[in-house]
C-alpha cells in the first residue's frame, strides 16, 4: 500500500488494526451480559437501600464505557507493539503478518509516541466517566476501578515490549483478555464476583488465546530469528497446530459446564439448553473446520485467512453466548 500518506487518517486506522478489536470486545460483552442476567439495574437488587443502577439506560452507558475503554487499550497496545518492534528491528521485509505502520513509513516514530499517549489519555478519560457513572459507590469502589485501569495500561506496555518476547503471551492473554476484563466489567456493574463470572472469564481468555496461537504459529520462523521465544518457538510447530485444536475442545467443555450451572443454579432459565445448542455446537464445528484449513496450509501468508476466521468464530461465539445469557 504505497499510496498511504505519512501520518494520514488512513495510516492511523491501519496502525490501530481494527480486526484485533474483537479480542478486546469479547470479554466486555460476556462480562456485561452476565451482569445484566443477575440484574445490576433491577429494583430487586438493592445496595445500601437503593438499586445499583436506577435504569437500564445507566447500566448500558456504563457497559459501553467499559467496551470503549477495552478498545482504546487494545489500540494502545497495537501502537506500542508497532513502535517497539520497529525500534527492535523485528519487522523485516519477509514479515508474514499485516504490514506495520512504522516499518512501512506510514507513521513516524515521533508521531506514534504522541499517538500512544493520546490513546491512553483518552482511555483513562473514558474510564473516569465510568467511575463517575457509578455514582455514590465511587466513594467506596473508585480506587478499585482505577487500579484495574492502571493495571491495563501497565500490561499494554509490558506485554508488547517485554513479556511477549519471553513466551508469557498465552498466560497473559488468559489474565488480561479473560479474568481482568470479564470480572472487571462484571464487578463494576454488580460490585460482586461469583464463580460463574470466573467461569465466563476462563472461557473468554482461552477462546481469545486462539488468536495468539495462530499468530505465533504463522510467525514461528521469523520469531525464532528475532529471538522472540513464544511457546510455539519453544515447543515446535506440531505443538502450536494441536494447541489450536485443543483450545476449541476446552472452550466447548467449559461452555457445557456453564450451561449446566445456568440450568441448575439460582439463575436458571427454562430455555438454557439454547446456550449449549448454539454455542456448544456451532462454535466447535466452525473451530474444527478452521483448524483443518490451518493444518492444510501450515505456513506462509495464507495463514492470515485463518487469523480472520478465528476472529469471526470467537466473535460469533461471544455474541451468541451473550444473547443467550441475557435473554433465554
C-alpha atoms as a PDB file:
ATOM      1  CA  UNK A   1       0.000   0.000   0.000  1.00  0.00           C
ATOM      2  CA  UNK A   2       2.444   2.600  -1.246  1.00  0.00           C
ATOM      3  CA  UNK A   3      -0.352   5.162  -1.603  1.00  0.00           C
ATOM      4  CA  UNK A   4      -0.745   5.592   2.179  1.00  0.00           C
ATOM      5  CA  UNK A   5       0.269   9.133   3.129  1.00  0.00           C
ATOM      6  CA  UNK A   6       2.541   9.682   6.118  1.00  0.00           C
ATOM      7  CA  UNK A   7       0.638  10.324   9.371  1.00  0.00           C
ATOM      8  CA  UNK A   8      -2.677  10.398   7.486  1.00  0.00           C
ATOM      9  CA  UNK A   9      -6.004   9.239   8.924  1.00  0.00           C
ATOM     10  CA  UNK A  10      -5.782   6.074   6.869  1.00  0.00           C
ATOM     11  CA  UNK A  11      -2.339   5.317   8.274  1.00  0.00           C
ATOM     12  CA  UNK A  12      -3.659   5.602  11.842  1.00  0.00           C
ATOM     13  CA  UNK A  13      -6.617   3.350  11.065  1.00  0.00           C
ATOM     14  CA  UNK A  14      -4.267   0.737   9.622  1.00  0.00           C
ATOM     15  CA  UNK A  15      -1.968   1.042  12.653  1.00  0.00           C
ATOM     16  CA  UNK A  16      -4.921   0.568  15.010  1.00  0.00           C
ATOM     17  CA  UNK A  17      -5.557  -2.856  13.406  1.00  0.00           C
ATOM     18  CA  UNK A  18      -9.380  -2.810  13.647  1.00  0.00           C
ATOM     19  CA  UNK A  19      -9.616  -6.582  13.149  1.00  0.00           C
ATOM     20  CA  UNK A  20      -7.904  -7.139  16.511  1.00  0.00           C
ATOM     21  CA  UNK A  21     -10.585  -5.211  18.401  1.00  0.00           C
ATOM     22  CA  UNK A  22     -12.791  -8.290  18.612  1.00  0.00           C
ATOM     23  CA  UNK A  23     -10.381  -9.653  21.210  1.00  0.00           C
ATOM     24  CA  UNK A  24     -10.954  -6.557  23.344  1.00  0.00           C
ATOM     25  CA  UNK A  25     -14.720  -6.531  22.870  1.00  0.00           C
ATOM     26  CA  UNK A  26     -15.463 -10.204  23.610  1.00  0.00           C
ATOM     27  CA  UNK A  27     -14.653 -10.245  27.368  1.00  0.00           C
ATOM     28  CA  UNK A  28     -16.550  -6.987  27.989  1.00  0.00           C
ATOM     29  CA  UNK A  29     -19.571  -8.327  26.088  1.00  0.00           C
ATOM     30  CA  UNK A  30     -19.566 -11.512  28.147  1.00  0.00           C
ATOM     31  CA  UNK A  31     -18.967  -9.779  31.485  1.00  0.00           C
ATOM     32  CA  UNK A  32     -21.701  -7.251  30.794  1.00  0.00           C
ATOM     33  CA  UNK A  33     -24.144  -9.923  29.653  1.00  0.00           C
ATOM     34  CA  UNK A  34     -23.647 -11.856  32.873  1.00  0.00           C
ATOM     35  CA  UNK A  35     -24.102  -8.683  34.932  1.00  0.00           C
ATOM     36  CA  UNK A  36     -27.329  -7.982  33.053  1.00  0.00           C
ATOM     37  CA  UNK A  37     -28.556 -11.500  33.798  1.00  0.00           C
ATOM     38  CA  UNK A  38     -28.136 -11.143  37.548  1.00  0.00           C
ATOM     39  CA  UNK A  39     -29.921  -7.791  37.354  1.00  0.00           C
ATOM     40  CA  UNK A  40     -27.468  -4.985  38.028  1.00  0.00           C
ATOM     41  CA  UNK A  41     -30.148  -2.313  37.492  1.00  0.00           C
ATOM     42  CA  UNK A  42     -33.275  -4.051  38.787  1.00  0.00           C
ATOM     43  CA  UNK A  43     -35.161  -2.807  41.813  1.00  0.00           C
ATOM     44  CA  UNK A  44     -34.857  -6.221  43.441  1.00  0.00           C
ATOM     45  CA  UNK A  45     -31.081  -5.862  43.629  1.00  0.00           C
ATOM     46  CA  UNK A  46     -30.507  -3.400  46.439  1.00  0.00           C
ATOM     47  CA  UNK A  47     -27.297  -1.944  47.778  1.00  0.00           C
ATOM     48  CA  UNK A  48     -27.444   0.306  50.843  1.00  0.00           C
ATOM     49  CA  UNK A  49     -31.214   0.504  50.395  1.00  0.00           C
ATOM     50  CA  UNK A  50     -31.095   1.570  46.714  1.00  0.00           C
ATOM     51  CA  UNK A  51     -30.759  -0.201  43.355  1.00  0.00           C
ATOM     52  CA  UNK A  52     -27.225  -0.297  42.000  1.00  0.00           C
ATOM     53  CA  UNK A  53     -28.417   1.355  38.777  1.00  0.00           C
ATOM     54  CA  UNK A  54     -31.766   3.109  38.690  1.00  0.00           C
ATOM     55  CA  UNK A  55     -32.493   2.495  34.992  1.00  0.00           C
ATOM     56  CA  UNK A  56     -31.332   0.147  32.228  1.00  0.00           C
ATOM     57  CA  UNK A  57     -30.036   3.200  30.333  1.00  0.00           C
ATOM     58  CA  UNK A  58     -27.440   3.982  33.024  1.00  0.00           C
ATOM     59  CA  UNK A  59     -26.361   0.361  33.035  1.00  0.00           C
ATOM     60  CA  UNK A  60     -25.982   0.311  29.238  1.00  0.00           C
ATOM     61  CA  UNK A  61     -23.952   3.548  29.230  1.00  0.00           C
ATOM     62  CA  UNK A  62     -21.566   2.058  31.784  1.00  0.00           C
ATOM     63  CA  UNK A  63     -21.302  -1.098  29.700  1.00  0.00           C
ATOM     64  CA  UNK A  64     -20.462   0.982  26.614  1.00  0.00           C
ATOM     65  CA  UNK A  65     -17.784   2.848  28.590  1.00  0.00           C
ATOM     66  CA  UNK A  66     -16.189  -0.463  29.555  1.00  0.00           C
ATOM     67  CA  UNK A  67     -16.318  -1.547  25.911  1.00  0.00           C
ATOM     68  CA  UNK A  68     -14.718   1.677  24.661  1.00  0.00           C
ATOM     69  CA  UNK A  69     -12.021   1.537  27.346  1.00  0.00           C
ATOM     70  CA  UNK A  70     -11.114  -2.008  26.303  1.00  0.00           C
ATOM     71  CA  UNK A  71     -10.931  -1.000  22.626  1.00  0.00           C
ATOM     72  CA  UNK A  72      -8.752   2.025  23.417  1.00  0.00           C
ATOM     73  CA  UNK A  73      -6.366  -0.144  25.400  1.00  0.00           C
ATOM     74  CA  UNK A  74      -6.170  -2.647  22.541  1.00  0.00           C
ATOM     75  CA  UNK A  75      -5.352   0.161  20.102  1.00  0.00           C
ATOM     76  CA  UNK A  76      -2.717   1.494  22.512  1.00  0.00           C
ATOM     77  CA  UNK A  77      -1.173  -1.978  22.738  1.00  0.00           C
ATOM     78  CA  UNK A  78      -1.136  -2.205  18.926  1.00  0.00           C
ATOM     79  CA  UNK A  79       0.591   1.185  18.652  1.00  0.00           C
ATOM     80  CA  UNK A  80       3.166   0.247  21.292  1.00  0.00           C
ATOM     81  CA  UNK A  81       3.820  -3.086  19.574  1.00  0.00           C
ATOM     82  CA  UNK A  82       4.196  -1.353  16.208  1.00  0.00           C
ATOM     83  CA  UNK A  83       6.718   1.157  17.559  1.00  0.00           C
ATOM     84  CA  UNK A  84       8.681  -1.281  19.728  1.00  0.00           C
ATOM     85  CA  UNK A  85       9.043  -3.944  17.008  1.00  0.00           C
ATOM     86  CA  UNK A  86      10.198  -1.241  14.599  1.00  0.00           C
ATOM     87  CA  UNK A  87      12.825   0.008  17.043  1.00  0.00           C
ATOM     88  CA  UNK A  88      13.904  -3.548  17.822  1.00  0.00           C
ATOM     89  CA  UNK A  89      14.168  -4.433  14.135  1.00  0.00           C
ATOM     90  CA  UNK A  90      11.633  -7.268  14.328  1.00  0.00           C
ATOM     91  CA  UNK A  91       9.572  -6.012  11.355  1.00  0.00           C
ATOM     92  CA  UNK A  92      11.667  -7.247   8.465  1.00  0.00           C
ATOM     93  CA  UNK A  93      10.871  -7.316   4.748  1.00  0.00           C
ATOM     94  CA  UNK A  94       9.880 -11.010   4.980  1.00  0.00           C
ATOM     95  CA  UNK A  95       7.172 -10.315   7.554  1.00  0.00           C
ATOM     96  CA  UNK A  96       4.166 -12.618   7.039  1.00  0.00           C
ATOM     97  CA  UNK A  97       1.605 -10.721   9.084  1.00  0.00           C
ATOM     98  CA  UNK A  98      -0.164  -7.447   8.258  1.00  0.00           C
ATOM     99  CA  UNK A  99       2.148  -4.569   7.374  1.00  0.00           C
ATOM    100  CA  UNK A 100       3.203  -2.322  10.254  1.00  0.00           C
ATOM    101  CA  UNK A 101       2.841   1.446  10.167  1.00  0.00           C
ATOM    102  CA  UNK A 102       6.273   2.493  11.440  1.00  0.00           C
ATOM    103  CA  UNK A 103       8.140  -0.114   9.399  1.00  0.00           C
ATOM    104  CA  UNK A 104       6.316   0.959   6.233  1.00  0.00           C
ATOM    105  CA  UNK A 105       6.897   4.647   6.933  1.00  0.00           C
ATOM    106  CA  UNK A 106       3.174   5.412   7.214  1.00  0.00           C
ATOM    107  CA  UNK A 107       3.658   6.889  10.692  1.00  0.00           C
ATOM    108  CA  UNK A 108       6.853   8.414  12.015  1.00  0.00           C
ATOM    109  CA  UNK A 109       8.177   7.079  15.356  1.00  0.00           C
ATOM    110  CA  UNK A 110       7.764  10.524  16.924  1.00  0.00           C
ATOM    111  CA  UNK A 111       4.122  10.716  15.814  1.00  0.00           C
ATOM    112  CA  UNK A 112       3.499   7.164  17.064  1.00  0.00           C
ATOM    113  CA  UNK A 113       4.725   8.114  20.537  1.00  0.00           C
ATOM    114  CA  UNK A 114       2.274  11.010  20.554  1.00  0.00           C
ATOM    115  CA  UNK A 115      -0.469   8.690  19.317  1.00  0.00           C
ATOM    116  CA  UNK A 116       0.211   6.219  22.124  1.00  0.00           C
ATOM    117  CA  UNK A 117      -0.060   8.991  24.708  1.00  0.00           C
ATOM    118  CA  UNK A 118      -3.283  10.362  23.193  1.00  0.00           C
ATOM    119  CA  UNK A 119      -4.991   6.962  23.093  1.00  0.00           C
ATOM    120  CA  UNK A 120      -4.008   6.131  26.677  1.00  0.00           C
ATOM    121  CA  UNK A 121      -5.237   9.527  27.916  1.00  0.00           C
ATOM    122  CA  UNK A 122      -8.494   9.008  26.030  1.00  0.00           C
ATOM    123  CA  UNK A 123      -8.871   5.540  27.552  1.00  0.00           C
ATOM    124  CA  UNK A 124      -8.304   6.942  31.037  1.00  0.00           C
ATOM    125  CA  UNK A 125     -10.884   9.673  30.375  1.00  0.00           C
ATOM    126  CA  UNK A 126     -13.445   7.052  29.351  1.00  0.00           C
ATOM    127  CA  UNK A 127     -12.576   5.068  32.460  1.00  0.00           C
ATOM    128  CA  UNK A 128     -13.093   8.181  34.586  1.00  0.00           C
ATOM    129  CA  UNK A 129     -16.546   8.651  33.062  1.00  0.00           C
ATOM    130  CA  UNK A 130     -17.367   5.057  34.010  1.00  0.00           C
ATOM    131  CA  UNK A 131     -16.256   5.708  37.579  1.00  0.00           C
ATOM    132  CA  UNK A 132     -18.402   8.858  37.758  1.00  0.00           C
ATOM    133  CA  UNK A 133     -21.420   6.979  36.383  1.00  0.00           C
ATOM    134  CA  UNK A 134     -21.069   4.593  39.294  1.00  0.00           C
ATOM    135  CA  UNK A 135     -22.395   7.468  41.404  1.00  0.00           C
ATOM    136  CA  UNK A 136     -22.116   7.387  45.158  1.00  0.00           C
ATOM    137  CA  UNK A 137     -20.411   3.983  45.015  1.00  0.00           C
ATOM    138  CA  UNK A 138     -17.283   5.627  43.617  1.00  0.00           C
ATOM    139  CA  UNK A 139     -16.537   6.666  47.206  1.00  0.00           C
ATOM    140  CA  UNK A 140     -16.199   3.044  48.198  1.00  0.00           C
ATOM    141  CA  UNK A 141     -15.015   1.415  44.999  1.00  0.00           C
ATOM    142  CA  UNK A 142     -13.369   4.144  42.918  1.00  0.00           C
ATOM    143  CA  UNK A 143      -9.856   3.095  43.933  1.00  0.00           C
ATOM    144  CA  UNK A 144     -10.578  -0.465  42.818  1.00  0.00           C
ATOM    145  CA  UNK A 145     -11.769   0.729  39.400  1.00  0.00           C
ATOM    146  CA  UNK A 146      -8.738   2.989  38.995  1.00  0.00           C
ATOM    147  CA  UNK A 147      -6.409   0.127  39.968  1.00  0.00           C
ATOM    148  CA  UNK A 148      -7.930  -2.069  37.249  1.00  0.00           C
ATOM    149  CA  UNK A 149      -7.443   0.705  34.688  1.00  0.00           C
ATOM    150  CA  UNK A 150      -3.830   1.326  35.668  1.00  0.00           C
ATOM    151  CA  UNK A 151      -3.144  -2.398  35.560  1.00  0.00           C
ATOM    152  CA  UNK A 152      -4.437  -2.491  31.976  1.00  0.00           C
ATOM    153  CA  UNK A 153      -2.207   0.449  30.989  1.00  0.00           C
ATOM    154  CA  UNK A 154       0.826  -1.235  32.577  1.00  0.00           C
ATOM    155  CA  UNK A 155       0.017  -4.507  30.817  1.00  0.00           C
ATOM    156  CA  UNK A 156      -0.240  -2.779  27.434  1.00  0.00           C
ATOM    157  CA  UNK A 157       3.381  -1.636  27.806  1.00  0.00           C
ATOM    158  CA  UNK A 158       4.896  -4.724  29.437  1.00  0.00           C
ATOM    159  CA  UNK A 159       3.242  -7.301  27.192  1.00  0.00           C
ATOM    160  CA  UNK A 160       4.168  -5.692  23.892  1.00  0.00           C
ATOM    161  CA  UNK A 161       7.687  -4.666  24.924  1.00  0.00           C
ATOM    162  CA  UNK A 162       8.856  -7.479  27.193  1.00  0.00           C
ATOM    163  CA  UNK A 163       6.586 -10.400  28.058  1.00  0.00           C
ATOM    164  CA  UNK A 164       5.640 -11.448  24.507  1.00  0.00           C
ATOM    165  CA  UNK A 165       9.350 -11.965  23.794  1.00  0.00           C
ATOM    166  CA  UNK A 166       9.718 -14.255  26.815  1.00  0.00           C
ATOM    167  CA  UNK A 167       6.949 -16.683  25.900  1.00  0.00           C
ATOM    168  CA  UNK A 168       4.464 -15.480  28.526  1.00  0.00           C
ATOM    169  CA  UNK A 169       1.876 -14.456  25.947  1.00  0.00           C
ATOM    170  CA  UNK A 170      -0.608 -17.290  26.465  1.00  0.00           C
ATOM    171  CA  UNK A 171      -0.737 -16.900  30.241  1.00  0.00           C
ATOM    172  CA  UNK A 172      -1.098 -13.122  29.990  1.00  0.00           C
ATOM    173  CA  UNK A 173      -3.883 -13.401  27.404  1.00  0.00           C
ATOM    174  CA  UNK A 174      -5.752 -15.609  29.867  1.00  0.00           C
ATOM    175  CA  UNK A 175      -5.349 -12.953  32.553  1.00  0.00           C
ATOM    176  CA  UNK A 176      -5.854  -9.749  30.562  1.00  0.00           C
ATOM    177  CA  UNK A 177      -8.367 -10.981  27.976  1.00  0.00           C
ATOM    178  CA  UNK A 178     -10.164 -13.207  30.428  1.00  0.00           C
ATOM    179  CA  UNK A 179     -10.057 -12.575  34.154  1.00  0.00           C
ATOM    180  CA  UNK A 180      -9.363  -8.837  34.219  1.00  0.00           C
ATOM    181  CA  UNK A 181     -11.854  -7.569  31.603  1.00  0.00           C
ATOM    182  CA  UNK A 182     -14.674 -10.069  32.234  1.00  0.00           C
ATOM    183  CA  UNK A 183     -14.558  -9.921  36.016  1.00  0.00           C
ATOM    184  CA  UNK A 184     -13.696  -6.207  35.973  1.00  0.00           C
ATOM    185  CA  UNK A 185     -16.749  -5.438  33.837  1.00  0.00           C
ATOM    186  CA  UNK A 186     -18.921  -7.712  35.956  1.00  0.00           C
ATOM    187  CA  UNK A 187     -17.652  -6.202  39.208  1.00  0.00           C
ATOM    188  CA  UNK A 188     -18.120  -2.621  38.054  1.00  0.00           C
ATOM    189  CA  UNK A 189     -21.761  -3.379  37.282  1.00  0.00           C
ATOM    190  CA  UNK A 190     -22.606  -5.603  40.252  1.00  0.00           C
ATOM    191  CA  UNK A 191     -19.967  -4.875  42.934  1.00  0.00           C
ATOM    192  CA  UNK A 192     -19.665  -8.638  43.400  1.00  0.00           C
ATOM    193  CA  UNK A 193     -17.637 -11.516  41.993  1.00  0.00           C
ATOM    194  CA  UNK A 194     -19.059 -15.004  41.611  1.00  0.00           C
ATOM    195  CA  UNK A 195     -17.838 -18.450  40.499  1.00  0.00           C
ATOM    196  CA  UNK A 196     -19.994 -18.005  37.397  1.00  0.00           C
ATOM    197  CA  UNK A 197     -18.109 -14.823  36.447  1.00  0.00           C
ATOM    198  CA  UNK A 198     -14.840 -16.700  36.954  1.00  0.00           C
ATOM    199  CA  UNK A 199     -16.001 -19.441  34.587  1.00  0.00           C
ATOM    200  CA  UNK A 200     -17.079 -16.953  31.904  1.00  0.00           C
ATOM    201  CA  UNK A 201     -13.695 -15.206  32.259  1.00  0.00           C
ATOM    202  CA  UNK A 202     -11.915 -18.524  31.778  1.00  0.00           C
ATOM    203  CA  UNK A 203     -13.936 -19.252  28.624  1.00  0.00           C
ATOM    204  CA  UNK A 204     -13.150 -15.795  27.242  1.00  0.00           C
ATOM    205  CA  UNK A 205      -9.417 -15.959  27.928  1.00  0.00           C
ATOM    206  CA  UNK A 206      -8.947 -19.442  26.465  1.00  0.00           C
ATOM    207  CA  UNK A 207     -11.026 -18.668  23.366  1.00  0.00           C
ATOM    208  CA  UNK A 208      -9.102 -15.457  22.637  1.00  0.00           C
ATOM    209  CA  UNK A 209      -5.786 -17.257  23.088  1.00  0.00           C
ATOM    210  CA  UNK A 210      -6.552 -18.976  19.778  1.00  0.00           C
ATOM    211  CA  UNK A 211      -5.717 -15.661  18.088  1.00  0.00           C
ATOM    212  CA  UNK A 212      -2.299 -15.579  19.734  1.00  0.00           C
ATOM    213  CA  UNK A 213      -1.647 -19.225  18.890  1.00  0.00           C
ATOM    214  CA  UNK A 214      -2.347 -18.806  15.173  1.00  0.00           C
ATOM    215  CA  UNK A 215      -0.361 -15.560  15.131  1.00  0.00           C
ATOM    216  CA  UNK A 216       2.648 -17.231  16.761  1.00  0.00           C
ATOM    217  CA  UNK A 217       2.217 -20.330  14.592  1.00  0.00           C
ATOM    218  CA  UNK A 218       2.371 -18.230  11.441  1.00  0.00           C
ATOM    219  CA  UNK A 219       5.408 -16.240  12.639  1.00  0.00           C
ATOM    220  CA  UNK A 220       7.326 -19.129  14.242  1.00  0.00           C
ATOM    221  CA  UNK A 221      10.320 -18.995  11.885  1.00  0.00           C
ATOM    222  CA  UNK A 222      10.600 -15.186  11.966  1.00  0.00           C
ATOM    223  CA  UNK A 223      10.179 -15.134  15.762  1.00  0.00           C
ATOM    224  CA  UNK A 224      12.974 -17.666  16.146  1.00  0.00           C
ATOM    225  CA  UNK A 225      15.317 -15.394  14.161  1.00  0.00           C
ATOM    226  CA  UNK A 226      14.223 -12.320  16.139  1.00  0.00           C
ATOM    227  CA  UNK A 227      14.761 -14.060  19.485  1.00  0.00           C
ATOM    228  CA  UNK A 228      11.064 -13.992  20.337  1.00  0.00           C
ATOM    229  CA  UNK A 229      10.635 -17.104  22.491  1.00  0.00           C
ATOM    230  CA  UNK A 230       6.939 -17.822  22.051  1.00  0.00           C
ATOM    231  CA  UNK A 231       5.502 -21.136  23.181  1.00  0.00           C
ATOM    232  CA  UNK A 232       5.330 -22.289  19.546  1.00  0.00           C
ATOM    233  CA  UNK A 233       9.024 -21.443  19.072  1.00  0.00           C
ATOM    234  CA  UNK A 234       9.936 -23.265  22.278  1.00  0.00           C
ATOM    235  CA  UNK A 235       7.854 -26.407  21.741  1.00  0.00           C
ATOM    236  CA  UNK A 236       7.610 -26.652  17.975  1.00  0.00           C
ATOM    237  CA  UNK A 237       5.253 -26.370  15.022  1.00  0.00           C
ATOM    238  CA  UNK A 238       3.217 -29.502  15.792  1.00  0.00           C
ATOM    239  CA  UNK A 239       2.546 -28.280  19.332  1.00  0.00           C
ATOM    240  CA  UNK A 240       1.158 -24.992  18.017  1.00  0.00           C
ATOM    241  CA  UNK A 241      -1.028 -26.776  15.491  1.00  0.00           C
ATOM    242  CA  UNK A 242      -2.668 -29.053  18.037  1.00  0.00           C
ATOM    243  CA  UNK A 243      -2.827 -26.424  20.771  1.00  0.00           C
ATOM    244  CA  UNK A 244      -5.186 -24.508  18.478  1.00  0.00           C
ATOM    245  CA  UNK A 245      -7.446 -27.567  18.220  1.00  0.00           C
ATOM    246  CA  UNK A 246      -7.349 -28.206  21.969  1.00  0.00           C
ATOM    247  CA  UNK A 247      -8.458 -24.632  22.659  1.00  0.00           C
ATOM    248  CA  UNK A 248     -11.703 -25.276  20.776  1.00  0.00           C
ATOM    249  CA  UNK A 249     -12.291 -28.505  22.712  1.00  0.00           C
ATOM    250  CA  UNK A 250     -11.655 -26.886  26.104  1.00  0.00           C
ATOM    251  CA  UNK A 251     -13.888 -23.893  25.325  1.00  0.00           C
ATOM    252  CA  UNK A 252     -16.673 -26.288  24.316  1.00  0.00           C
ATOM    253  CA  UNK A 253     -16.358 -28.325  27.526  1.00  0.00           C
ATOM    254  CA  UNK A 254     -16.391 -25.181  29.664  1.00  0.00           C
ATOM    255  CA  UNK A 255     -19.428 -23.949  27.735  1.00  0.00           C
ATOM    256  CA  UNK A 256     -21.235 -27.178  28.603  1.00  0.00           C
ATOM    257  CA  UNK A 257     -20.309 -26.632  32.249  1.00  0.00           C
ATOM    258  CA  UNK A 258     -21.669 -23.082  32.064  1.00  0.00           C
ATOM    259  CA  UNK A 259     -24.880 -24.460  30.548  1.00  0.00           C
ATOM    260  CA  UNK A 260     -25.239 -26.898  33.436  1.00  0.00           C
ATOM    261  CA  UNK A 261     -24.703 -24.164  36.020  1.00  0.00           C
ATOM    262  CA  UNK A 262     -27.173 -21.827  34.319  1.00  0.00           C
ATOM    263  CA  UNK A 263     -29.729 -24.620  34.153  1.00  0.00           C
ATOM    264  CA  UNK A 264     -29.388 -25.877  37.709  1.00  0.00           C
ATOM    265  CA  UNK A 265     -28.234 -22.800  39.643  1.00  0.00           C
ATOM    266  CA  UNK A 266     -30.139 -19.930  41.191  1.00  0.00           C
ATOM    267  CA  UNK A 267     -30.036 -18.093  37.847  1.00  0.00           C
ATOM    268  CA  UNK A 268     -31.745 -20.949  35.971  1.00  0.00           C
ATOM    269  CA  UNK A 269     -33.800 -20.157  32.872  1.00  0.00           C
ATOM    270  CA  UNK A 270     -36.243 -22.567  31.198  1.00  0.00           C
ATOM    271  CA  UNK A 271     -34.523 -22.415  27.801  1.00  0.00           C
ATOM    272  CA  UNK A 272     -30.907 -22.545  28.937  1.00  0.00           C
ATOM    273  CA  UNK A 273     -30.432 -25.524  26.619  1.00  0.00           C
ATOM    274  CA  UNK A 274     -30.116 -22.959  23.813  1.00  0.00           C
ATOM    275  CA  UNK A 275     -26.722 -21.963  25.215  1.00  0.00           C
ATOM    276  CA  UNK A 276     -25.390 -25.439  24.571  1.00  0.00           C
ATOM    277  CA  UNK A 277     -27.046 -25.810  21.175  1.00  0.00           C
ATOM    278  CA  UNK A 278     -25.884 -22.549  19.595  1.00  0.00           C
ATOM    279  CA  UNK A 279     -22.513 -22.145  21.306  1.00  0.00           C
ATOM    280  CA  UNK A 280     -21.684 -25.691  22.334  1.00  0.00           C
ATOM    281  CA  UNK A 281     -22.234 -26.984  18.793  1.00  0.00           C
ATOM    282  CA  UNK A 282     -21.854 -24.136  16.277  1.00  0.00           C
ATOM    283  CA  UNK A 283     -18.598 -22.769  17.708  1.00  0.00           C
ATOM    284  CA  UNK A 284     -16.646 -26.067  17.946  1.00  0.00           C
ATOM    285  CA  UNK A 285     -17.771 -27.062  14.445  1.00  0.00           C
ATOM    286  CA  UNK A 286     -16.526 -23.782  12.968  1.00  0.00           C
ATOM    287  CA  UNK A 287     -13.346 -24.006  15.057  1.00  0.00           C
ATOM    288  CA  UNK A 288     -12.640 -27.526  13.811  1.00  0.00           C
ATOM    289  CA  UNK A 289     -13.210 -26.592  10.167  1.00  0.00           C
ATOM    290  CA  UNK A 290     -10.852 -23.617  10.579  1.00  0.00           C
ATOM    291  CA  UNK A 291      -8.263 -25.917  12.162  1.00  0.00           C
ATOM    292  CA  UNK A 292      -8.499 -28.269   9.178  1.00  0.00           C
ATOM    293  CA  UNK A 293      -7.650 -25.347   6.882  1.00  0.00           C
ATOM    294  CA  UNK A 294      -4.799 -24.344   9.198  1.00  0.00           C
ATOM    295  CA  UNK A 295      -3.420 -27.903   9.098  1.00  0.00           C
ATOM    296  CA  UNK A 296      -3.607 -27.926   5.306  1.00  0.00           C
ATOM    297  CA  UNK A 297      -1.913 -24.507   4.869  1.00  0.00           C
ATOM    298  CA  UNK A 298       0.704 -24.932   7.639  1.00  0.00           C
ATOM    299  CA  UNK A 299       2.831 -21.883   6.781  1.00  0.00           C
ATOM    300  CA  UNK A 300       3.057 -18.606   4.907  1.00  0.00           C
ATOM    301  CA  UNK A 301       0.874 -15.555   4.452  1.00  0.00           C
ATOM    302  CA  UNK A 302      -2.129 -17.743   3.650  1.00  0.00           C
ATOM    303  CA  UNK A 303      -2.444 -18.294   7.410  1.00  0.00           C
ATOM    304  CA  UNK A 304      -3.689 -14.698   7.702  1.00  0.00           C
ATOM    305  CA  UNK A 305      -7.016 -16.034   6.437  1.00  0.00           C
ATOM    306  CA  UNK A 306      -7.070 -18.438   9.407  1.00  0.00           C
ATOM    307  CA  UNK A 307      -6.474 -15.474  11.713  1.00  0.00           C
ATOM    308  CA  UNK A 308      -9.515 -13.745  10.216  1.00  0.00           C
ATOM    309  CA  UNK A 309     -11.696 -16.855  10.501  1.00  0.00           C
ATOM    310  CA  UNK A 310     -10.620 -17.357  14.116  1.00  0.00           C
ATOM    311  CA  UNK A 311     -11.616 -13.801  14.954  1.00  0.00           C
ATOM    312  CA  UNK A 312     -15.031 -14.320  13.347  1.00  0.00           C
ATOM    313  CA  UNK A 313     -15.539 -17.642  15.155  1.00  0.00           C
ATOM    314  CA  UNK A 314     -14.748 -16.087  18.524  1.00  0.00           C
ATOM    315  CA  UNK A 315     -16.909 -13.038  17.996  1.00  0.00           C
ATOM    316  CA  UNK A 316     -19.839 -15.170  16.830  1.00  0.00           C
ATOM    317  CA  UNK A 317     -19.450 -17.302  19.939  1.00  0.00           C
ATOM    318  CA  UNK A 318     -19.398 -14.211  22.172  1.00  0.00           C
ATOM    319  CA  UNK A 319     -22.475 -12.664  20.537  1.00  0.00           C
ATOM    320  CA  UNK A 320     -24.475 -15.889  20.751  1.00  0.00           C
ATOM    321  CA  UNK A 321     -23.383 -16.593  24.302  1.00  0.00           C
ATOM    322  CA  UNK A 322     -24.089 -13.022  25.423  1.00  0.00           C
ATOM    323  CA  UNK A 323     -27.555 -13.071  23.855  1.00  0.00           C
ATOM    324  CA  UNK A 324     -28.478 -16.385  25.420  1.00  0.00           C
ATOM    325  CA  UNK A 325     -27.072 -15.429  28.838  1.00  0.00           C
ATOM    326  CA  UNK A 326     -29.125 -12.243  28.805  1.00  0.00           C
ATOM    327  CA  UNK A 327     -32.402 -13.274  27.191  1.00  0.00           C
ATOM    328  CA  UNK A 328     -33.011 -17.034  27.149  1.00  0.00           C
END
